[in-house]
């Protein structure tokens, strides 16, 4: 019997890599632009460190906003992006019919409760 080794990488590793790759490019670019603006206006002699700190804070704020927006709604379900009218149409074969039946049952229970 042949032995196999699973070399797949967890999703969080991919996310962390992209976070650092895109974040590093964003922070470096914004910090450089802010430094050019600050020095161009003659506000300070060398403003790269404050510009770098501002760029890091801006990137973290953008990531926090994106994180909260993607975590809201239906518990992160992929179905939250699909309109209810497409459950029995385009997405019927990928579980749309079952999803529609589940949501209808939940609505019925909520209506009975009221």
Protein backbone atom coordinates (compact mmCIF):
# COMPACT_ATOMS: atom_id res chain seq x y z
CA UNK A 1 0.00 0.00 0.00
CA UNK A 2 1.53 3.34 -1.02
CA UNK A 3 1.90 6.04 1.59
CA UNK A 4 0.80 9.56 0.86
CA UNK A 5 1.78 12.77 2.55
CA UNK A 6 -0.56 15.73 2.73
CA UNK A 7 1.40 18.85 1.78
CA UNK A 8 -1.56 21.20 1.65
CA UNK A 9 -1.25 24.50 3.47
CA UNK A 10 -4.03 25.70 5.79
CA UNK A 11 -6.15 28.64 4.61
CA UNK A 12 -4.93 30.91 7.40
CA UNK A 13 -1.37 30.59 6.09
CA UNK A 14 -2.54 31.79 2.66
CA UNK A 15 -4.43 34.68 4.25
CA UNK A 16 -1.44 35.68 6.39
CA UNK A 17 0.88 35.57 3.38
CA UNK A 18 -1.43 37.76 1.29
CA UNK A 19 -2.00 40.07 4.26
CA UNK A 20 1.76 40.61 4.64
CA UNK A 21 2.48 40.80 0.91
CA UNK A 22 -0.24 43.29 0.05
CA UNK A 23 0.14 45.08 3.36
CA UNK A 24 3.87 45.54 2.91
CA UNK A 25 3.43 47.01 -0.56
CA UNK A 26 0.58 49.27 0.62
CA UNK A 27 2.41 50.50 3.71
CA UNK A 28 5.67 51.16 1.83
CA UNK A 29 3.92 53.01 -0.98
CA UNK A 30 1.69 55.14 1.26
CA UNK A 31 4.58 55.94 3.60
CA UNK A 32 6.76 57.04 0.67
CA UNK A 33 3.99 59.23 -0.75
CA UNK A 34 3.26 60.79 2.63
CA UNK A 35 6.96 61.44 3.13
CA UNK A 36 7.18 63.20 -0.23
CA UNK A 37 4.16 65.35 0.60
CA UNK A 38 5.39 66.25 4.09
CA UNK A 39 8.90 67.09 2.89
CA UNK A 40 7.53 68.91 -0.14
CA UNK A 41 5.45 71.16 2.09
CA UNK A 42 8.52 71.78 4.24
CA UNK A 43 6.84 70.63 7.44
CA UNK A 44 9.69 68.41 8.63
CA UNK A 45 13.19 67.49 7.47
CA UNK A 46 12.72 63.71 7.50
CA UNK A 47 9.15 62.58 7.87
CA UNK A 48 9.47 58.95 6.85
CA UNK A 49 8.98 57.41 10.31
CA UNK A 50 5.80 59.36 11.10
CA UNK A 51 4.59 58.62 7.57
CA UNK A 52 5.36 54.94 8.09
CA UNK A 53 3.41 54.91 11.36
CA UNK A 54 0.45 56.66 9.69
CA UNK A 55 0.52 54.17 6.80
CA UNK A 56 0.55 51.20 9.19
CA UNK A 57 -2.40 52.62 11.14
CA UNK A 58 -4.30 53.28 7.90
CA UNK A 59 -3.68 49.72 6.67
CA UNK A 60 -4.81 48.22 9.99
CA UNK A 61 -7.95 50.37 9.93
CA UNK A 62 -8.77 49.25 6.38
CA UNK A 63 -8.21 45.60 7.36
CA UNK A 64 -10.44 45.98 10.42
CA UNK A 65 -13.25 47.47 8.33
CA UNK A 66 -12.96 44.71 5.73
CA UNK A 67 -12.86 42.04 8.42
CA UNK A 68 -16.02 43.32 10.12
CA UNK A 69 -17.86 43.61 6.80
CA UNK A 70 -16.99 40.07 5.73
CA UNK A 71 -17.95 38.60 9.12
CA UNK A 72 -21.40 40.20 9.24
CA UNK A 73 -24.61 38.74 7.91
CA UNK A 74 -25.26 35.04 7.62
CA UNK A 75 -22.35 33.80 9.70
CA UNK A 76 -19.97 34.05 6.78
CA UNK A 77 -22.01 31.77 4.54
CA UNK A 78 -21.45 31.86 0.81
CA UNK A 79 -25.24 31.84 0.39
CA UNK A 80 -25.52 35.37 1.76
CA UNK A 81 -24.14 36.67 -1.55
CA UNK A 82 -26.76 34.81 -3.63
CA UNK A 83 -30.25 36.28 -4.05
CA UNK A 84 -33.11 34.06 -2.85
CA UNK A 85 -34.64 34.06 -6.33
CA UNK A 86 -31.63 32.19 -7.74
CA UNK A 87 -31.77 29.26 -5.30
CA UNK A 88 -33.97 27.17 -7.58
CA UNK A 89 -32.50 28.53 -10.79
CA UNK A 90 -28.82 28.97 -11.39
CA UNK A 91 -27.75 27.43 -8.06
CA UNK A 92 -30.23 24.56 -7.89
CA UNK A 93 -27.64 21.86 -8.53
CA UNK A 94 -25.16 23.24 -5.98
CA UNK A 95 -27.59 22.98 -3.07
CA UNK A 96 -29.88 25.88 -3.79
CA UNK A 97 -33.07 23.83 -3.54
CA UNK A 98 -32.10 22.50 -0.11
CA UNK A 99 -31.11 25.98 1.00
CA UNK A 100 -34.48 27.38 -0.14
CA UNK A 101 -36.34 24.63 1.73
CA UNK A 102 -34.34 25.35 4.90
CA UNK A 103 -34.99 29.08 4.74
CA UNK A 104 -38.70 28.49 4.04
CA UNK A 105 -38.91 26.18 7.07
CA UNK A 106 -37.21 28.77 9.27
CA UNK A 107 -39.62 31.47 8.04
CA UNK A 108 -42.59 29.20 8.78
CA UNK A 109 -41.34 28.58 12.32
CA UNK A 110 -40.85 32.30 12.87
CA UNK A 111 -44.33 33.03 11.54
CA UNK A 112 -45.86 30.38 13.83
CA UNK A 113 -43.99 31.85 16.79
CA UNK A 114 -45.51 35.28 16.13
